[in-house]
């Protein structure tokens, strides 16, 4: 299964804005594709991580948050393995 890394800091310039939320969601969905293992990483506000994770539920097979401090944290895993 492909593993796709989405660096949330690349979705916006300078500061993330709530007014641009739909754009961030669309970009993340395009990058994620369907049924892939997704890793979210990068400097971004917590609200953006939460909203992107929610938007990818049902699209991603597995979602991981990659922390620079503690490593990978599985958010959800819908693989039959």
PDB file of N, CA and C in Angstrom:
ATOM      1  N   UNK A   1       0.859  -1.180   0.000  1.00  0.00           N
ATOM      2  CA  UNK A   1       0.000   0.000   0.000  1.00  0.00           C
ATOM      3  C   UNK A   1       0.900   1.237   0.000  1.00  0.00           C
ATOM      4  N   UNK A   2       0.639   2.175  -0.906  1.00  0.00           N
ATOM      5  CA  UNK A   2       1.463   3.390  -0.948  1.00  0.00           C
ATOM      6  C   UNK A   2       1.384   4.183   0.359  1.00  0.00           C
ATOM      7  N   UNK A   3       2.517   4.761   0.722  1.00  0.00           N
ATOM      8  CA  UNK A   3       2.600   5.630   1.896  1.00  0.00           C
ATOM      9  C   UNK A   3       2.821   7.053   1.398  1.00  0.00           C
ATOM     10  N   UNK A   4       1.911   7.931   1.737  1.00  0.00           N
ATOM     11  CA  UNK A   4       1.971   9.310   1.265  1.00  0.00           C
ATOM     12  C   UNK A   4       2.175  10.234   2.452  1.00  0.00           C
ATOM     13  N   UNK A   5       3.203  11.069   2.357  1.00  0.00           N
ATOM     14  CA  UNK A   5       3.487  12.039   3.415  1.00  0.00           C
ATOM     15  C   UNK A   5       2.915  13.388   3.001  1.00  0.00           C
ATOM     16  N   UNK A   6       2.081  13.941   3.865  1.00  0.00           N
ATOM     17  CA  UNK A   6       1.517  15.274   3.638  1.00  0.00           C
ATOM     18  C   UNK A   6       2.074  16.199   4.703  1.00  0.00           C
ATOM     19  N   UNK A   7       2.893  17.136   4.273  1.00  0.00           N
ATOM     20  CA  UNK A   7       3.471  18.143   5.168  1.00  0.00           C
ATOM     21  C   UNK A   7       2.492  19.314   5.217  1.00  0.00           C
ATOM     22  N   UNK A   8       1.763  19.422   6.312  1.00  0.00           N
ATOM     23  CA  UNK A   8       0.720  20.446   6.409  1.00  0.00           C
ATOM     24  C   UNK A   8       1.270  21.863   6.295  1.00  0.00           C
ATOM     25  N   UNK A   9       2.523  22.072   6.645  1.00  0.00           N
ATOM     26  CA  UNK A   9       3.103  23.415   6.539  1.00  0.00           C
ATOM     27  C   UNK A   9       3.218  23.867   5.086  1.00  0.00           C
ATOM     28  N   UNK A  10       3.133  22.921   4.144  1.00  0.00           N
ATOM     29  CA  UNK A  10       3.218  23.258   2.727  1.00  0.00           C
ATOM     30  C   UNK A  10       1.863  23.662   2.135  1.00  0.00           C
ATOM     31  N   UNK A  11       0.803  23.543   2.920  1.00  0.00           N
ATOM     32  CA  UNK A  11      -0.532  23.886   2.423  1.00  0.00           C
ATOM     33  C   UNK A  11      -0.830  25.377   2.492  1.00  0.00           C
ATOM     34  N   UNK A  12      -0.001  26.126   3.219  1.00  0.00           N
ATOM     35  CA  UNK A  12      -0.278  27.558   3.410  1.00  0.00           C
ATOM     36  C   UNK A  12       1.026  28.350   3.436  1.00  0.00           C
ATOM     37  N   UNK A  13       0.903  29.665   3.225  1.00  0.00           N
ATOM     38  CA  UNK A  13       2.042  30.579   3.324  1.00  0.00           C
ATOM     39  C   UNK A  13       1.962  31.309   4.654  1.00  0.00           C
ATOM     40  N   UNK A  14       3.070  31.476   5.318  1.00  0.00           N
ATOM     41  CA  UNK A  14       3.169  32.206   6.591  1.00  0.00           C
ATOM     42  C   UNK A  14       2.285  31.599   7.680  1.00  0.00           C
ATOM     43  N   UNK A  15       1.008  31.970   7.730  1.00  0.00           N
ATOM     44  CA  UNK A  15       0.087  31.480   8.762  1.00  0.00           C
ATOM     45  C   UNK A  15      -1.153  30.865   8.120  1.00  0.00           C
ATOM     46  N   UNK A  16      -1.602  29.742   8.679  1.00  0.00           N
ATOM     47  CA  UNK A  16      -2.847  29.133   8.212  1.00  0.00           C
ATOM     48  C   UNK A  16      -4.016  30.034   8.606  1.00  0.00           C
ATOM     49  N   UNK A  17      -4.996  30.103   7.719  1.00  0.00           N
ATOM     50  CA  UNK A  17      -6.157  30.966   7.958  1.00  0.00           C
ATOM     51  C   UNK A  17      -7.440  30.139   7.885  1.00  0.00           C
ATOM     52  N   UNK A  18      -8.319  30.352   8.849  1.00  0.00           N
ATOM     53  CA  UNK A  18      -9.601  29.647   8.828  1.00  0.00           C
ATOM     54  C   UNK A  18     -10.376  29.932   7.549  1.00  0.00           C
ATOM     55  N   UNK A  19     -10.226  31.123   7.006  1.00  0.00           N
ATOM     56  CA  UNK A  19     -10.945  31.488   5.784  1.00  0.00           C
ATOM     57  C   UNK A  19     -10.486  30.661   4.575  1.00  0.00           C
ATOM     58  N   UNK A  20      -9.327  30.021   4.667  1.00  0.00           N
ATOM     59  CA  UNK A  20      -8.785  29.201   3.581  1.00  0.00           C
ATOM     60  C   UNK A  20      -8.947  27.706   3.847  1.00  0.00           C
ATOM     61  N   UNK A  21      -9.733  27.381   4.855  1.00  0.00           N
ATOM     62  CA  UNK A  21      -9.859  25.994   5.280  1.00  0.00           C
ATOM     63  C   UNK A  21     -10.266  25.052   4.152  1.00  0.00           C
ATOM     64  N   UNK A  22     -11.262  25.420   3.362  1.00  0.00           N
ATOM     65  CA  UNK A  22     -11.728  24.544   2.279  1.00  0.00           C
ATOM     66  C   UNK A  22     -10.616  24.250   1.276  1.00  0.00           C
ATOM     67  N   UNK A  23      -9.765  25.228   1.032  1.00  0.00           N
ATOM     68  CA  UNK A  23      -8.632  25.037   0.124  1.00  0.00           C
ATOM     69  C   UNK A  23      -7.655  24.020   0.693  1.00  0.00           C
ATOM     70  N   UNK A  24      -7.364  24.104   1.989  1.00  0.00           N
ATOM     71  CA  UNK A  24      -6.445  23.155   2.625  1.00  0.00           C
ATOM     72  C   UNK A  24      -6.999  21.735   2.562  1.00  0.00           C
ATOM     73  N   UNK A  25      -8.285  21.594   2.816  1.00  0.00           N
ATOM     74  CA  UNK A  25      -8.930  20.277   2.772  1.00  0.00           C
ATOM     75  C   UNK A  25      -8.834  19.692   1.364  1.00  0.00           C
ATOM     76  N   UNK A  26      -9.137  20.500   0.371  1.00  0.00           N
ATOM     77  CA  UNK A  26      -9.091  20.030  -1.016  1.00  0.00           C
ATOM     78  C   UNK A  26      -7.684  19.579  -1.394  1.00  0.00           C
ATOM     79  N   UNK A  27      -6.679  20.370  -1.034  1.00  0.00           N
ATOM     80  CA  UNK A  27      -5.291  20.003  -1.339  1.00  0.00           C
ATOM     81  C   UNK A  27      -4.911  18.696  -0.654  1.00  0.00           C
ATOM     82  N   UNK A  28      -5.270  18.552   0.620  1.00  0.00           N
ATOM     83  CA  UNK A  28      -4.935  17.335   1.365  1.00  0.00           C
ATOM     84  C   UNK A  28      -5.614  16.117   0.747  1.00  0.00           C
ATOM     85  N   UNK A  29      -6.874  16.244   0.358  1.00  0.00           N
ATOM     86  CA  UNK A  29      -7.592  15.130  -0.259  1.00  0.00           C
ATOM     87  C   UNK A  29      -6.958  14.739  -1.590  1.00  0.00           C
ATOM     88  N   UNK A  30      -6.554  15.724  -2.374  1.00  0.00           N
ATOM     89  CA  UNK A  30      -5.899  15.445  -3.653  1.00  0.00           C
ATOM     90  C   UNK A  30      -4.586  14.698  -3.433  1.00  0.00           C
ATOM     91  N   UNK A  31      -3.809  15.135  -2.452  1.00  0.00           N
ATOM     92  CA  UNK A  31      -2.534  14.483  -2.156  1.00  0.00           C
ATOM     93  C   UNK A  31      -2.731  13.072  -1.614  1.00  0.00           C
ATOM     94  N   UNK A  32      -3.768  12.873  -0.815  1.00  0.00           N
ATOM     95  CA  UNK A  32      -4.002  11.588  -0.151  1.00  0.00           C
ATOM     96  C   UNK A  32      -4.465  10.500  -1.105  1.00  0.00           C
ATOM     97  N   UNK A  33      -5.275  10.854  -2.084  1.00  0.00           N
ATOM     98  CA  UNK A  33      -5.848   9.838  -2.951  1.00  0.00           C
ATOM     99  C   UNK A  33      -6.845   8.982  -2.180  1.00  0.00           C
ATOM    100  N   UNK A  34      -7.068   7.769  -2.668  1.00  0.00           N
ATOM    101  CA  UNK A  34      -8.047   6.864  -2.056  1.00  0.00           C
ATOM    102  C   UNK A  34      -7.375   5.600  -1.543  1.00  0.00           C
ATOM    103  N   UNK A  35      -7.633   5.256  -0.288  1.00  0.00           N
ATOM    104  CA  UNK A  35      -7.200   3.985   0.269  1.00  0.00           C
ATOM    105  C   UNK A  35      -5.719   3.850   0.564  1.00  0.00           C
ATOM    106  N   UNK A  36      -5.012   4.960   0.668  1.00  0.00           N
ATOM    107  CA  UNK A  36      -3.573   4.933   0.938  1.00  0.00           C
ATOM    108  C   UNK A  36      -3.271   5.095   2.420  1.00  0.00           C
ATOM    109  N   UNK A  37      -2.048   4.781   2.787  1.00  0.00           N
ATOM    110  CA  UNK A  37      -1.546   5.061   4.131  1.00  0.00           C
ATOM    111  C   UNK A  37      -0.996   6.478   4.114  1.00  0.00           C
ATOM    112  N   UNK A  38      -1.527   7.325   4.974  1.00  0.00           N
ATOM    113  CA  UNK A  38      -1.189   8.745   4.976  1.00  0.00           C
ATOM    114  C   UNK A  38      -0.449   9.104   6.254  1.00  0.00           C
ATOM    115  N   UNK A  39       0.607   9.893   6.092  1.00  0.00           N
ATOM    116  CA  UNK A  39       1.353  10.429   7.227  1.00  0.00           C
ATOM    117  C   UNK A  39       1.216  11.942   7.195  1.00  0.00           C
ATOM    118  N   UNK A  40       0.697  12.509   8.282  1.00  0.00           N
ATOM    119  CA  UNK A  40       0.619  13.963   8.425  1.00  0.00           C
ATOM    120  C   UNK A  40       1.803  14.434   9.257  1.00  0.00           C
ATOM    121  N   UNK A  41       2.445  15.491   8.804  1.00  0.00           N
ATOM    122  CA  UNK A  41       3.584  16.046   9.516  1.00  0.00           C
ATOM    123  C   UNK A  41       3.674  17.537   9.206  1.00  0.00           C
ATOM    124  N   UNK A  42       4.636  18.213   9.800  1.00  0.00           N
ATOM    125  CA  UNK A  42       4.880  19.623   9.508  1.00  0.00           C
ATOM    126  C   UNK A  42       4.293  20.562  10.540  1.00  0.00           C
ATOM    127  N   UNK A  43       4.869  21.748  10.596  1.00  0.00           N
ATOM    128  CA  UNK A  43       4.412  22.781  11.529  1.00  0.00           C
ATOM    129  C   UNK A  43       3.090  23.364  11.040  1.00  0.00           C
ATOM    130  N   UNK A  44       2.050  23.162  11.841  1.00  0.00           N
ATOM    131  CA  UNK A  44       0.713  23.658  11.499  1.00  0.00           C
ATOM    132  C   UNK A  44      -0.101  23.737  12.783  1.00  0.00           C
ATOM    133  N   UNK A  45      -1.137  24.576  12.788  1.00  0.00           N
ATOM    134  CA  UNK A  45      -1.971  24.678  13.989  1.00  0.00           C
ATOM    135  C   UNK A  45      -2.732  23.375  14.258  1.00  0.00           C
ATOM    136  N   UNK A  46      -3.006  23.143  15.515  1.00  0.00           N
ATOM    137  CA  UNK A  46      -3.713  21.924  15.920  1.00  0.00           C
ATOM    138  C   UNK A  46      -5.056  21.822  15.209  1.00  0.00           C
ATOM    139  N   UNK A  47      -5.785  22.936  15.083  1.00  0.00           N
ATOM    140  CA  UNK A  47      -7.095  22.873  14.427  1.00  0.00           C
ATOM    141  C   UNK A  47      -6.976  22.340  13.000  1.00  0.00           C
ATOM    142  N   UNK A  48      -5.874  22.657  12.314  1.00  0.00           N
ATOM    143  CA  UNK A  48      -5.712  22.177  10.945  1.00  0.00           C
ATOM    144  C   UNK A  48      -5.454  20.668  10.929  1.00  0.00           C
ATOM    145  N   UNK A  49      -4.634  20.185  11.841  1.00  0.00           N
ATOM    146  CA  UNK A  49      -4.417  18.736  11.957  1.00  0.00           C
ATOM    147  C   UNK A  49      -5.736  18.016  12.213  1.00  0.00           C
ATOM    148  N   UNK A  50      -6.536  18.523  13.136  1.00  0.00           N
ATOM    149  CA  UNK A  50      -7.799  17.872  13.484  1.00  0.00           C
ATOM    150  C   UNK A  50      -8.768  17.857  12.310  1.00  0.00           C
ATOM    151  N   UNK A  51      -8.900  18.982  11.629  1.00  0.00           N
ATOM    152  CA  UNK A  51      -9.839  19.071  10.507  1.00  0.00           C
ATOM    153  C   UNK A  51      -9.385  18.209   9.327  1.00  0.00           C
ATOM    154  N   UNK A  52      -8.087  18.190   9.050  1.00  0.00           N
ATOM    155  CA  UNK A  52      -7.575  17.359   7.957  1.00  0.00           C
ATOM    156  C   UNK A  52      -7.768  15.877   8.298  1.00  0.00           C
ATOM    157  N   UNK A  53      -7.465  15.490   9.536  1.00  0.00           N
ATOM    158  CA  UNK A  53      -7.656  14.096   9.948  1.00  0.00           C
ATOM    159  C   UNK A  53      -9.117  13.688   9.776  1.00  0.00           C
ATOM    160  N   UNK A  54     -10.021  14.542  10.169  1.00  0.00           N
ATOM    161  CA  UNK A  54     -11.453  14.251  10.027  1.00  0.00           C
ATOM    162  C   UNK A  54     -11.830  14.125   8.552  1.00  0.00           C
ATOM    163  N   UNK A  55     -11.309  15.013   7.721  1.00  0.00           N
ATOM    164  CA  UNK A  55     -11.626  14.995   6.291  1.00  0.00           C
ATOM    165  C   UNK A  55     -11.081  13.745   5.595  1.00  0.00           C
ATOM    166  N   UNK A  56      -9.976  13.200   6.090  1.00  0.00           N
ATOM    167  CA  UNK A  56      -9.370  12.029   5.457  1.00  0.00           C
ATOM    168  C   UNK A  56      -9.954  10.711   5.957  1.00  0.00           C
ATOM    169  N   UNK A  57     -10.768  10.762   7.008  1.00  0.00           N
ATOM    170  CA  UNK A  57     -11.405   9.535   7.487  1.00  0.00           C
ATOM    171  C   UNK A  57     -12.377   9.051   6.416  1.00  0.00           C
ATOM    172  N   UNK A  58     -12.230   7.803   6.030  1.00  0.00           N
ATOM    173  CA  UNK A  58     -13.042   7.273   4.937  1.00  0.00           C
ATOM    174  C   UNK A  58     -12.316   7.312   3.605  1.00  0.00           C
ATOM    175  N   UNK A  59     -11.264   8.111   3.492  1.00  0.00           N
ATOM    176  CA  UNK A  59     -10.436   8.165   2.287  1.00  0.00           C
ATOM    177  C   UNK A  59      -9.125   7.418   2.493  1.00  0.00           C
ATOM    178  N   UNK A  60      -8.543   7.582   3.671  1.00  0.00           N
ATOM    179  CA  UNK A  60      -7.254   6.950   3.968  1.00  0.00           C
ATOM    180  C   UNK A  60      -7.476   5.579   4.594  1.00  0.00           C
ATOM    181  N   UNK A  61      -6.613   4.658   4.258  1.00  0.00           N
ATOM    182  CA  UNK A  61      -6.653   3.331   4.884  1.00  0.00           C
ATOM    183  C   UNK A  61      -6.103   3.418   6.302  1.00  0.00           C
ATOM    184  N   UNK A  62      -5.023   4.185   6.435  1.00  0.00           N
ATOM    185  CA  UNK A  62      -4.357   4.357   7.727  1.00  0.00           C
ATOM    186  C   UNK A  62      -3.867   5.797   7.793  1.00  0.00           C
ATOM    187  N   UNK A  63      -4.038   6.422   8.957  1.00  0.00           N
ATOM    188  CA  UNK A  63      -3.578   7.801   9.149  1.00  0.00           C
ATOM    189  C   UNK A  63      -2.621   7.837  10.330  1.00  0.00           C
ATOM    190  N   UNK A  64      -1.465   8.434  10.087  1.00  0.00           N
ATOM    191  CA  UNK A  64      -0.417   8.534  11.099  1.00  0.00           C
ATOM    192  C   UNK A  64      -0.019   9.993  11.255  1.00  0.00           C
ATOM    193  N   UNK A  65       0.191  10.404  12.495  1.00  0.00           N
ATOM    194  CA  UNK A  65       0.802  11.707  12.781  1.00  0.00           C
ATOM    195  C   UNK A  65       2.272  11.441  13.062  1.00  0.00           C
ATOM    196  N   UNK A  66       3.153  12.096  12.330  1.00  0.00           N
ATOM    197  CA  UNK A  66       4.594  11.933  12.541  1.00  0.00           C
ATOM    198  C   UNK A  66       5.102  13.099  13.377  1.00  0.00           C
ATOM    199  N   UNK A  67       5.368  12.816  14.641  1.00  0.00           N
ATOM    200  CA  UNK A  67       5.860  13.810  15.591  1.00  0.00           C
ATOM    201  C   UNK A  67       7.382  13.886  15.520  1.00  0.00           C
ATOM    202  N   UNK A  68       7.941  15.101  15.500  1.00  0.00           N
ATOM    203  CA  UNK A  68       9.399  15.211  15.517  1.00  0.00           C
ATOM    204  C   UNK A  68       9.991  14.804  16.865  1.00  0.00           C
ATOM    205  N   UNK A  69       9.153  14.718  17.888  1.00  0.00           N
ATOM    206  CA  UNK A  69       9.629  14.393  19.234  1.00  0.00           C
ATOM    207  C   UNK A  69       9.479  12.908  19.554  1.00  0.00           C
ATOM    208  N   UNK A  70       8.288  12.348  19.333  1.00  0.00           N
ATOM    209  CA  UNK A  70       8.036  10.955  19.745  1.00  0.00           C
ATOM    210  C   UNK A  70       7.883   9.976  18.586  1.00  0.00           C
ATOM    211  N   UNK A  71       7.955  10.460  17.368  1.00  0.00           N
ATOM    212  CA  UNK A  71       7.826   9.567  16.214  1.00  0.00           C
ATOM    213  C   UNK A  71       6.388   9.411  15.763  1.00  0.00           C
ATOM    214  N   UNK A  72       6.079   8.252  15.210  1.00  0.00           N
ATOM    215  CA  UNK A  72       4.766   8.025  14.608  1.00  0.00           C
ATOM    216  C   UNK A  72       3.701   7.671  15.644  1.00  0.00           C
ATOM    217  N   UNK A  73       2.521   8.277  15.454  1.00  0.00           N
ATOM    218  CA  UNK A  73       1.350   8.003  16.286  1.00  0.00           C
ATOM    219  C   UNK A  73       0.214   7.635  15.331  1.00  0.00           C
ATOM    220  N   UNK A  74      -0.314   6.429  15.464  1.00  0.00           N
ATOM    221  CA  UNK A  74      -1.414   5.998  14.605  1.00  0.00           C
ATOM    222  C   UNK A  74      -2.700   6.669  15.082  1.00  0.00           C
ATOM    223  N   UNK A  75      -3.356   7.380  14.172  1.00  0.00           N
ATOM    224  CA  UNK A  75      -4.624   8.049  14.471  1.00  0.00           C
ATOM    225  C   UNK A  75      -5.779   7.087  14.202  1.00  0.00           C
ATOM    226  N   UNK A  76      -5.749   6.435  13.046  1.00  0.00           N
ATOM    227  CA  UNK A  76      -6.687   5.350  12.774  1.00  0.00           C
ATOM    228  C   UNK A  76      -6.052   4.380  11.787  1.00  0.00           C
ATOM    229  N   UNK A  77      -6.534   3.146  11.824  1.00  0.00           N
ATOM    230  CA  UNK A  77      -6.018   2.097  10.944  1.00  0.00           C
ATOM    231  C   UNK A  77      -7.181   1.198  10.560  1.00  0.00           C
ATOM    232  N   UNK A  78      -7.611   1.292   9.306  1.00  0.00           N
ATOM    233  CA  UNK A  78      -8.728   0.494   8.815  1.00  0.00           C
ATOM    234  C   UNK A  78      -8.257  -0.647   7.922  1.00  0.00           C
ATOM    235  N   UNK A  79      -6.978  -0.985   8.012  1.00  0.00           N
ATOM    236  CA  UNK A  79      -6.466  -2.092   7.204  1.00  0.00           C
ATOM    237  C   UNK A  79      -6.872  -3.416   7.852  1.00  0.00           C
ATOM    238  N   UNK A  80      -7.149  -4.417   7.041  1.00  0.00           N
ATOM    239  CA  UNK A  80      -7.569  -5.707   7.593  1.00  0.00           C
ATOM    240  C   UNK A  80      -6.414  -6.520   8.179  1.00  0.00           C
ATOM    241  N   UNK A  81      -5.201  -6.019   8.086  1.00  0.00           N
ATOM    242  CA  UNK A  81      -4.012  -6.745   8.585  1.00  0.00           C
ATOM    243  C   UNK A  81      -4.040  -6.908  10.078  1.00  0.00           C
TER     244      UNK A  81
END
